[in-house]
């Protein structure tokens, strides 16, 4: 069996991956709160932004953490198409979850359906990402730990969607995002501790790209998207602010200029 190191770069990757998960969660929750206060195309657009933020944040968390993953006795490469499919799965299943909450008439049923869909999707993203690993050897999993990681993913997703339905203040959203980030990170490392590798030494070149060739630049790009979108959401007016502005313009006497 090869020795697995989940933090070969020290605390850098666990801390940075947790920050990515929290950023995606905070942005997604904030967008979902905005969506629930809106109607029509505006609600749809906010939900799409929420789904892309949460899905991107979870995927980035996973692969930033994977930058610190090492197996003694073998190099590691990543299958590029399958890695990109895992990103697509993350965004699509989160999209299904937040739309179930955003448009569901029965809040309790929508929450359960959305949490289950999103949680299973998050777990699917994780194990698709693991399936993209190429190394000299055979990867196997502990079924009990895999099952536990899926349960954590479902619980984390349900808690996040519940927070989107029941929290509005920035402080509450921040606390909820910190909790969700911790839950997503716990799911990741639970899944990673389910992994064992039987190394078969070989001098053959592995197919795929190294983490630094592919994962690192993509994670940097998606992380930049999260931070830029967070700034946009923070600076955009809320529904209440828009209504107040419109009311002020209506009450303004004709022929005067607003200060």
C-alpha atoms as a PDB file:
ATOM      1  CA  UNK A   1       0.000   0.000   0.000  1.00  0.00           C
ATOM      2  CA  UNK A   2       1.254   3.479  -0.845  1.00  0.00           C
ATOM      3  CA  UNK A   3       1.434   6.069   1.914  1.00  0.00           C
ATOM      4  CA  UNK A   4      -1.163   8.831   1.373  1.00  0.00           C
ATOM      5  CA  UNK A   5      -0.411  12.397   2.375  1.00  0.00           C
ATOM      6  CA  UNK A   6      -3.477  14.658   2.317  1.00  0.00           C
ATOM      7  CA  UNK A   7      -1.586  17.828   3.236  1.00  0.00           C
ATOM      8  CA  UNK A   8       1.778  17.618   1.519  1.00  0.00           C
ATOM      9  CA  UNK A   9       1.944  21.429   1.413  1.00  0.00           C
ATOM     10  CA  UNK A  10       1.161  21.796   5.107  1.00  0.00           C
ATOM     11  CA  UNK A  11      -1.830  23.829   6.273  1.00  0.00           C
ATOM     12  CA  UNK A  12      -1.879  25.909   3.076  1.00  0.00           C
ATOM     13  CA  UNK A  13      -4.233  23.696   1.065  1.00  0.00           C
ATOM     14  CA  UNK A  14      -6.712  22.828   3.881  1.00  0.00           C
ATOM     15  CA  UNK A  15      -7.031  26.484   4.919  1.00  0.00           C
ATOM     16  CA  UNK A  16      -7.249  27.836   1.366  1.00  0.00           C
ATOM     17  CA  UNK A  17      -9.740  25.173   0.313  1.00  0.00           C
ATOM     18  CA  UNK A  18     -11.913  25.999   3.347  1.00  0.00           C
ATOM     19  CA  UNK A  19     -11.795  29.681   2.378  1.00  0.00           C
ATOM     20  CA  UNK A  20     -12.966  28.778  -1.149  1.00  0.00           C
ATOM     21  CA  UNK A  21     -15.849  26.704   0.211  1.00  0.00           C
ATOM     22  CA  UNK A  22     -16.921  29.535   2.534  1.00  0.00           C
ATOM     23  CA  UNK A  23     -16.691  32.155  -0.223  1.00  0.00           C
ATOM     24  CA  UNK A  24     -18.814  30.082  -2.595  1.00  0.00           C
ATOM     25  CA  UNK A  25     -21.347  29.348   0.153  1.00  0.00           C
ATOM     26  CA  UNK A  26     -21.604  32.995   1.263  1.00  0.00           C
ATOM     27  CA  UNK A  27     -22.075  34.219  -2.299  1.00  0.00           C
ATOM     28  CA  UNK A  28     -24.568  31.485  -3.111  1.00  0.00           C
ATOM     29  CA  UNK A  29     -26.625  32.079   0.022  1.00  0.00           C
ATOM     30  CA  UNK A  30     -26.656  35.825  -0.554  1.00  0.00           C
ATOM     31  CA  UNK A  31     -27.818  35.338  -4.138  1.00  0.00           C
ATOM     32  CA  UNK A  32     -30.520  32.910  -3.025  1.00  0.00           C
ATOM     33  CA  UNK A  33     -31.797  35.434  -0.461  1.00  0.00           C
ATOM     34  CA  UNK A  34     -31.933  38.032  -3.263  1.00  0.00           C
ATOM     35  CA  UNK A  35     -33.741  35.538  -5.505  1.00  0.00           C
ATOM     36  CA  UNK A  36     -36.454  34.806  -2.953  1.00  0.00           C
ATOM     37  CA  UNK A  37     -37.196  38.534  -2.727  1.00  0.00           C
ATOM     38  CA  UNK A  38     -37.451  38.875  -6.524  1.00  0.00           C
ATOM     39  CA  UNK A  39     -39.794  37.644  -9.238  1.00  0.00           C
ATOM     40  CA  UNK A  40     -39.680  36.670 -12.903  1.00  0.00           C
ATOM     41  CA  UNK A  41     -36.398  36.801 -14.803  1.00  0.00           C
ATOM     42  CA  UNK A  42     -34.672  38.514 -11.895  1.00  0.00           C
ATOM     43  CA  UNK A  43     -35.342  35.554  -9.597  1.00  0.00           C
ATOM     44  CA  UNK A  44     -34.080  33.125 -12.238  1.00  0.00           C
ATOM     45  CA  UNK A  45     -30.888  35.117 -12.781  1.00  0.00           C
ATOM     46  CA  UNK A  46     -30.136  35.308  -9.047  1.00  0.00           C
ATOM     47  CA  UNK A  47     -30.702  31.556  -8.701  1.00  0.00           C
ATOM     48  CA  UNK A  48     -28.373  30.847 -11.627  1.00  0.00           C
ATOM     49  CA  UNK A  49     -25.716  33.019 -10.016  1.00  0.00           C
ATOM     50  CA  UNK A  50     -26.235  31.230  -6.690  1.00  0.00           C
ATOM     51  CA  UNK A  51     -25.868  27.818  -8.322  1.00  0.00           C
ATOM     52  CA  UNK A  52     -22.704  28.787 -10.181  1.00  0.00           C
ATOM     53  CA  UNK A  53     -21.216  30.264  -6.993  1.00  0.00           C
ATOM     54  CA  UNK A  54     -21.939  27.296  -4.715  1.00  0.00           C
ATOM     55  CA  UNK A  55     -21.008  24.717  -7.363  1.00  0.00           C
ATOM     56  CA  UNK A  56     -17.815  26.529  -8.304  1.00  0.00           C
ATOM     57  CA  UNK A  57     -16.899  27.041  -4.648  1.00  0.00           C
ATOM     58  CA  UNK A  58     -17.326  23.352  -3.828  1.00  0.00           C
ATOM     59  CA  UNK A  59     -15.359  22.226  -6.884  1.00  0.00           C
ATOM     60  CA  UNK A  60     -12.576  24.710  -6.191  1.00  0.00           C
ATOM     61  CA  UNK A  61     -12.454  23.595  -2.557  1.00  0.00           C
ATOM     62  CA  UNK A  62     -12.033  19.975  -3.641  1.00  0.00           C
ATOM     63  CA  UNK A  63      -9.241  20.551  -6.122  1.00  0.00           C
ATOM     64  CA  UNK A  64      -7.367  23.117  -4.048  1.00  0.00           C
ATOM     65  CA  UNK A  65      -7.297  20.462  -1.327  1.00  0.00           C
ATOM     66  CA  UNK A  66      -6.110  17.941  -3.923  1.00  0.00           C
ATOM     67  CA  UNK A  67      -3.052  20.105  -4.620  1.00  0.00           C
ATOM     68  CA  UNK A  68      -1.739  18.756  -1.322  1.00  0.00           C
ATOM     69  CA  UNK A  69      -2.535  15.101  -2.107  1.00  0.00           C
ATOM     70  CA  UNK A  70       0.466  12.810  -2.597  1.00  0.00           C
ATOM     71  CA  UNK A  71       0.941   9.033  -2.829  1.00  0.00           C
ATOM     72  CA  UNK A  72       4.380   7.595  -2.115  1.00  0.00           C
ATOM     73  CA  UNK A  73       5.882   5.572  -4.937  1.00  0.00           C
ATOM     74  CA  UNK A  74       3.911   7.105  -7.793  1.00  0.00           C
ATOM     75  CA  UNK A  75       3.287  10.349  -9.617  1.00  0.00           C
ATOM     76  CA  UNK A  76      -0.265  11.681  -9.975  1.00  0.00           C
ATOM     77  CA  UNK A  77      -1.946  13.008 -13.100  1.00  0.00           C
ATOM     78  CA  UNK A  78      -5.510  14.168 -13.806  1.00  0.00           C
ATOM     79  CA  UNK A  79      -7.748  13.264 -16.730  1.00  0.00           C
ATOM     80  CA  UNK A  80      -8.698  16.704 -18.076  1.00  0.00           C
ATOM     81  CA  UNK A  81     -12.129  15.919 -19.661  1.00  0.00           C
ATOM     82  CA  UNK A  82     -13.346  13.966 -16.617  1.00  0.00           C
ATOM     83  CA  UNK A  83     -12.170  16.733 -14.280  1.00  0.00           C
ATOM     84  CA  UNK A  84     -14.162  19.276 -16.293  1.00  0.00           C
ATOM     85  CA  UNK A  85     -17.199  16.964 -16.209  1.00  0.00           C
ATOM     86  CA  UNK A  86     -16.961  16.965 -12.396  1.00  0.00           C
ATOM     87  CA  UNK A  87     -17.152  20.791 -12.463  1.00  0.00           C
ATOM     88  CA  UNK A  88     -20.203  20.669 -14.739  1.00  0.00           C
ATOM     89  CA  UNK A  89     -21.897  18.136 -12.455  1.00  0.00           C
ATOM     90  CA  UNK A  90     -21.230  20.319  -9.412  1.00  0.00           C
ATOM     91  CA  UNK A  91     -22.876  23.363 -11.004  1.00  0.00           C
ATOM     92  CA  UNK A  92     -25.832  21.498 -12.552  1.00  0.00           C
ATOM     93  CA  UNK A  93     -26.871  19.590  -9.428  1.00  0.00           C
ATOM     94  CA  UNK A  94     -26.567  22.669  -7.227  1.00  0.00           C
ATOM     95  CA  UNK A  95     -28.649  24.504  -9.823  1.00  0.00           C
ATOM     96  CA  UNK A  96     -31.355  21.828  -9.500  1.00  0.00           C
ATOM     97  CA  UNK A  97     -31.262  22.186  -5.720  1.00  0.00           C
ATOM     98  CA  UNK A  98     -31.517  25.969  -5.542  1.00  0.00           C
ATOM     99  CA  UNK A  99     -34.240  26.074  -8.218  1.00  0.00           C
ATOM    100  CA  UNK A 100     -36.234  23.511  -6.216  1.00  0.00           C
ATOM    101  CA  UNK A 101     -36.043  25.861  -3.231  1.00  0.00           C
ATOM    102  CA  UNK A 102     -36.520  29.033  -5.269  1.00  0.00           C
ATOM    103  CA  UNK A 103     -39.669  27.859  -7.037  1.00  0.00           C
ATOM    104  CA  UNK A 104     -41.045  25.191  -4.690  1.00  0.00           C
ATOM    105  CA  UNK A 105     -44.499  25.955  -3.303  1.00  0.00           C
ATOM    106  CA  UNK A 106     -44.113  23.580  -0.369  1.00  0.00           C
ATOM    107  CA  UNK A 107     -41.032  24.854   1.481  1.00  0.00           C
ATOM    108  CA  UNK A 108     -40.447  21.671   3.511  1.00  0.00           C
ATOM    109  CA  UNK A 109     -40.705  19.366   0.485  1.00  0.00           C
ATOM    110  CA  UNK A 110     -38.558  21.673  -1.624  1.00  0.00           C
ATOM    111  CA  UNK A 111     -35.921  21.791   1.115  1.00  0.00           C
ATOM    112  CA  UNK A 112     -35.743  18.001   1.410  1.00  0.00           C
ATOM    113  CA  UNK A 113     -35.678  17.468  -2.354  1.00  0.00           C
ATOM    114  CA  UNK A 114     -33.160  20.254  -2.903  1.00  0.00           C
ATOM    115  CA  UNK A 115     -30.911  19.082  -0.060  1.00  0.00           C
ATOM    116  CA  UNK A 116     -30.936  15.465  -1.245  1.00  0.00           C
ATOM    117  CA  UNK A 117     -30.310  16.400  -4.891  1.00  0.00           C
ATOM    118  CA  UNK A 118     -27.546  18.853  -4.085  1.00  0.00           C
ATOM    119  CA  UNK A 119     -25.874  16.598  -1.506  1.00  0.00           C
ATOM    120  CA  UNK A 120     -25.780  13.578  -3.801  1.00  0.00           C
ATOM    121  CA  UNK A 121     -24.509  15.846  -6.572  1.00  0.00           C
ATOM    122  CA  UNK A 122     -21.711  17.210  -4.387  1.00  0.00           C
ATOM    123  CA  UNK A 123     -20.661  13.665  -3.501  1.00  0.00           C
ATOM    124  CA  UNK A 124     -20.833  12.706  -7.180  1.00  0.00           C
ATOM    125  CA  UNK A 125     -18.582  15.637  -8.045  1.00  0.00           C
ATOM    126  CA  UNK A 126     -16.071  14.508  -5.414  1.00  0.00           C
ATOM    127  CA  UNK A 127     -15.882  10.922  -6.609  1.00  0.00           C
ATOM    128  CA  UNK A 128     -15.861  11.929 -10.283  1.00  0.00           C
ATOM    129  CA  UNK A 129     -12.889  14.135  -9.421  1.00  0.00           C
ATOM    130  CA  UNK A 130     -11.243  11.158  -7.724  1.00  0.00           C
ATOM    131  CA  UNK A 131     -11.992   8.973 -10.759  1.00  0.00           C
ATOM    132  CA  UNK A 132     -10.026  11.503 -12.840  1.00  0.00           C
ATOM    133  CA  UNK A 133      -6.823  10.626 -10.951  1.00  0.00           C
ATOM    134  CA  UNK A 134      -4.233   8.656 -12.888  1.00  0.00           C
ATOM    135  CA  UNK A 135      -1.415   6.911 -10.982  1.00  0.00           C
ATOM    136  CA  UNK A 136       0.671   3.745 -11.005  1.00  0.00           C
ATOM    137  CA  UNK A 137      -1.524   1.500  -8.943  1.00  0.00           C
ATOM    138  CA  UNK A 138      -5.084   0.669  -7.954  1.00  0.00           C
ATOM    139  CA  UNK A 139      -7.396   2.941  -5.934  1.00  0.00           C
ATOM    140  CA  UNK A 140      -9.964   1.403  -3.581  1.00  0.00           C
ATOM    141  CA  UNK A 141     -12.469   2.828  -1.088  1.00  0.00           C
ATOM    142  CA  UNK A 142     -13.826   1.981   2.356  1.00  0.00           C
ATOM    143  CA  UNK A 143     -17.619   1.680   1.748  1.00  0.00           C
ATOM    144  CA  UNK A 144     -18.569   2.870   5.250  1.00  0.00           C
ATOM    145  CA  UNK A 145     -16.517   6.050   4.974  1.00  0.00           C
ATOM    146  CA  UNK A 146     -17.853   6.674   1.476  1.00  0.00           C
ATOM    147  CA  UNK A 147     -21.395   6.353   2.808  1.00  0.00           C
ATOM    148  CA  UNK A 148     -20.579   8.703   5.688  1.00  0.00           C
ATOM    149  CA  UNK A 149     -19.170  11.278   3.257  1.00  0.00           C
ATOM    150  CA  UNK A 150     -22.397  11.169   1.222  1.00  0.00           C
ATOM    151  CA  UNK A 151     -24.493  11.655   4.382  1.00  0.00           C
ATOM    152  CA  UNK A 152     -22.341  14.646   5.356  1.00  0.00           C
ATOM    153  CA  UNK A 153     -22.785  16.106   1.855  1.00  0.00           C
ATOM    154  CA  UNK A 154     -26.587  15.765   2.031  1.00  0.00           C
ATOM    155  CA  UNK A 155     -26.696  17.258   5.542  1.00  0.00           C
ATOM    156  CA  UNK A 156     -24.459  20.157   4.491  1.00  0.00           C
ATOM    157  CA  UNK A 157     -26.525  20.886   1.396  1.00  0.00           C
ATOM    158  CA  UNK A 158     -29.820  20.742   3.318  1.00  0.00           C
ATOM    159  CA  UNK A 159     -28.448  23.036   6.032  1.00  0.00           C
ATOM    160  CA  UNK A 160     -27.226  25.507   3.408  1.00  0.00           C
ATOM    161  CA  UNK A 161     -30.591  25.624   1.635  1.00  0.00           C
ATOM    162  CA  UNK A 162     -32.399  25.952   4.978  1.00  0.00           C
ATOM    163  CA  UNK A 163     -30.142  28.907   5.769  1.00  0.00           C
ATOM    164  CA  UNK A 164     -31.023  30.465   2.413  1.00  0.00           C
ATOM    165  CA  UNK A 165     -34.717  30.220   3.309  1.00  0.00           C
ATOM    166  CA  UNK A 166     -34.404  31.447   6.887  1.00  0.00           C
ATOM    167  CA  UNK A 167     -31.528  33.942   7.041  1.00  0.00           C
ATOM    168  CA  UNK A 168     -31.473  37.432   5.601  1.00  0.00           C
ATOM    169  CA  UNK A 169     -28.998  39.526   7.571  1.00  0.00           C
ATOM    170  CA  UNK A 170     -25.361  39.613   6.343  1.00  0.00           C
ATOM    171  CA  UNK A 171     -24.150  38.356   9.740  1.00  0.00           C
ATOM    172  CA  UNK A 172     -26.454  35.336   9.644  1.00  0.00           C
ATOM    173  CA  UNK A 173     -25.393  34.543   6.072  1.00  0.00           C
ATOM    174  CA  UNK A 174     -21.731  34.810   7.084  1.00  0.00           C
ATOM    175  CA  UNK A 175     -22.177  32.420  10.003  1.00  0.00           C
ATOM    176  CA  UNK A 176     -24.134  29.994   7.810  1.00  0.00           C
ATOM    177  CA  UNK A 177     -21.421  30.078   5.138  1.00  0.00           C
ATOM    178  CA  UNK A 178     -18.696  29.340   7.709  1.00  0.00           C
ATOM    179  CA  UNK A 179     -20.671  26.326   8.924  1.00  0.00           C
ATOM    180  CA  UNK A 180     -21.343  25.131   5.376  1.00  0.00           C
ATOM    181  CA  UNK A 181     -17.666  25.553   4.472  1.00  0.00           C
ATOM    182  CA  UNK A 182     -16.708  23.396   7.446  1.00  0.00           C
ATOM    183  CA  UNK A 183     -19.274  20.764   6.460  1.00  0.00           C
ATOM    184  CA  UNK A 184     -18.099  20.632   2.837  1.00  0.00           C
ATOM    185  CA  UNK A 185     -14.461  20.359   3.959  1.00  0.00           C
ATOM    186  CA  UNK A 186     -15.428  17.583   6.374  1.00  0.00           C
ATOM    187  CA  UNK A 187     -17.171  15.735   3.561  1.00  0.00           C
ATOM    188  CA  UNK A 188     -14.069  16.043   1.376  1.00  0.00           C
ATOM    189  CA  UNK A 189     -11.609  14.747   3.942  1.00  0.00           C
ATOM    190  CA  UNK A 190     -13.975  11.981   5.064  1.00  0.00           C
ATOM    191  CA  UNK A 191     -14.073  10.847   1.445  1.00  0.00           C
ATOM    192  CA  UNK A 192     -10.289  11.133   1.179  1.00  0.00           C
ATOM    193  CA  UNK A 193      -9.752   9.023   4.307  1.00  0.00           C
ATOM    194  CA  UNK A 194     -11.851   6.338   2.609  1.00  0.00           C
ATOM    195  CA  UNK A 195      -9.159   6.032  -0.072  1.00  0.00           C
ATOM    196  CA  UNK A 196      -6.371   3.464  -0.153  1.00  0.00           C
ATOM    197  CA  UNK A 197      -3.897   2.918  -2.982  1.00  0.00           C
ATOM    198  CA  UNK A 198      -2.018  -0.255  -3.901  1.00  0.00           C
ATOM    199  CA  UNK A 199       1.007   1.084  -5.785  1.00  0.00           C
ATOM    200  CA  UNK A 200       2.430  -0.817  -8.742  1.00  0.00           C
ATOM    201  CA  UNK A 201       5.869   0.683  -9.499  1.00  0.00           C
ATOM    202  CA  UNK A 202       6.319   1.517 -13.170  1.00  0.00           C
ATOM    203  CA  UNK A 203       8.517   3.691 -15.331  1.00  0.00           C
ATOM    204  CA  UNK A 204       5.765   4.372 -17.881  1.00  0.00           C
ATOM    205  CA  UNK A 205       4.583   7.938 -18.365  1.00  0.00           C
ATOM    206  CA  UNK A 206       1.131   8.608 -16.942  1.00  0.00           C
ATOM    207  CA  UNK A 207      -1.554  10.155 -19.154  1.00  0.00           C
ATOM    208  CA  UNK A 208      -3.179  13.440 -18.196  1.00  0.00           C
ATOM    209  CA  UNK A 209      -1.972  16.706 -16.688  1.00  0.00           C
ATOM    210  CA  UNK A 210      -0.238  17.448 -13.412  1.00  0.00           C
ATOM    211  CA  UNK A 211      -2.049  19.430 -10.735  1.00  0.00           C
ATOM    212  CA  UNK A 212       0.109  22.494 -11.374  1.00  0.00           C
ATOM    213  CA  UNK A 213      -0.392  22.307 -15.148  1.00  0.00           C
ATOM    214  CA  UNK A 214      -4.173  22.106 -15.029  1.00  0.00           C
ATOM    215  CA  UNK A 215      -5.810  22.155 -11.586  1.00  0.00           C
ATOM    216  CA  UNK A 216      -3.913  25.138 -10.186  1.00  0.00           C
ATOM    217  CA  UNK A 217      -4.600  27.635 -13.021  1.00  0.00           C
ATOM    218  CA  UNK A 218      -8.243  26.549 -13.272  1.00  0.00           C
ATOM    219  CA  UNK A 219      -8.711  26.873  -9.501  1.00  0.00           C
ATOM    220  CA  UNK A 220      -7.137  30.356  -9.601  1.00  0.00           C
ATOM    221  CA  UNK A 221      -9.493  31.374 -12.410  1.00  0.00           C
ATOM    222  CA  UNK A 222     -12.591  30.080 -10.642  1.00  0.00           C
ATOM    223  CA  UNK A 223     -11.470  31.599  -7.352  1.00  0.00           C
ATOM    224  CA  UNK A 224     -11.119  34.965  -9.087  1.00  0.00           C
ATOM    225  CA  UNK A 225     -14.644  34.540 -10.478  1.00  0.00           C
ATOM    226  CA  UNK A 226     -15.975  33.964  -6.959  1.00  0.00           C
ATOM    227  CA  UNK A 227     -14.294  37.037  -5.498  1.00  0.00           C
ATOM    228  CA  UNK A 228     -15.277  39.325  -8.401  1.00  0.00           C
ATOM    229  CA  UNK A 229     -18.876  38.103  -8.312  1.00  0.00           C
ATOM    230  CA  UNK A 230     -18.924  38.599  -4.534  1.00  0.00           C
ATOM    231  CA  UNK A 231     -17.884  42.224  -5.046  1.00  0.00           C
ATOM    232  CA  UNK A 232     -20.618  42.696  -7.669  1.00  0.00           C
ATOM    233  CA  UNK A 233     -23.305  41.234  -5.390  1.00  0.00           C
ATOM    234  CA  UNK A 234     -22.101  43.288  -2.410  1.00  0.00           C
ATOM    235  CA  UNK A 235     -22.305  46.513  -4.436  1.00  0.00           C
ATOM    236  CA  UNK A 236     -25.609  45.807  -6.210  1.00  0.00           C
ATOM    237  CA  UNK A 237     -28.717  47.300  -4.586  1.00  0.00           C
ATOM    238  CA  UNK A 238     -31.212  45.072  -2.818  1.00  0.00           C
ATOM    239  CA  UNK A 239     -34.896  44.986  -3.734  1.00  0.00           C
ATOM    240  CA  UNK A 240     -35.672  47.234  -0.761  1.00  0.00           C
ATOM    241  CA  UNK A 241     -33.073  49.788  -1.792  1.00  0.00           C
ATOM    242  CA  UNK A 242     -34.412  49.853  -5.360  1.00  0.00           C
ATOM    243  CA  UNK A 243     -37.960  50.376  -4.106  1.00  0.00           C
ATOM    244  CA  UNK A 244     -36.823  53.204  -1.819  1.00  0.00           C
ATOM    245  CA  UNK A 245     -34.970  54.848  -4.702  1.00  0.00           C
ATOM    246  CA  UNK A 246     -37.984  54.550  -7.009  1.00  0.00           C
ATOM    247  CA  UNK A 247     -40.275  55.964  -4.311  1.00  0.00           C
ATOM    248  CA  UNK A 248     -37.938  58.909  -3.779  1.00  0.00           C
ATOM    249  CA  UNK A 249     -37.924  59.692  -7.507  1.00  0.00           C
ATOM    250  CA  UNK A 250     -41.721  59.571  -7.635  1.00  0.00           C
ATOM    251  CA  UNK A 251     -41.997  61.964  -4.683  1.00  0.00           C
ATOM    252  CA  UNK A 252     -39.473  64.411  -6.170  1.00  0.00           C
ATOM    253  CA  UNK A 253     -41.187  67.617  -7.409  1.00  0.00           C
ATOM    254  CA  UNK A 254     -41.089  68.148 -11.156  1.00  0.00           C
ATOM    255  CA  UNK A 255     -38.277  70.386 -12.406  1.00  0.00           C
ATOM    256  CA  UNK A 256     -35.887  69.689  -9.521  1.00  0.00           C
ATOM    257  CA  UNK A 257     -32.683  67.701  -9.576  1.00  0.00           C
ATOM    258  CA  UNK A 258     -31.874  64.986  -7.112  1.00  0.00           C
ATOM    259  CA  UNK A 259     -29.016  65.903  -4.773  1.00  0.00           C
END
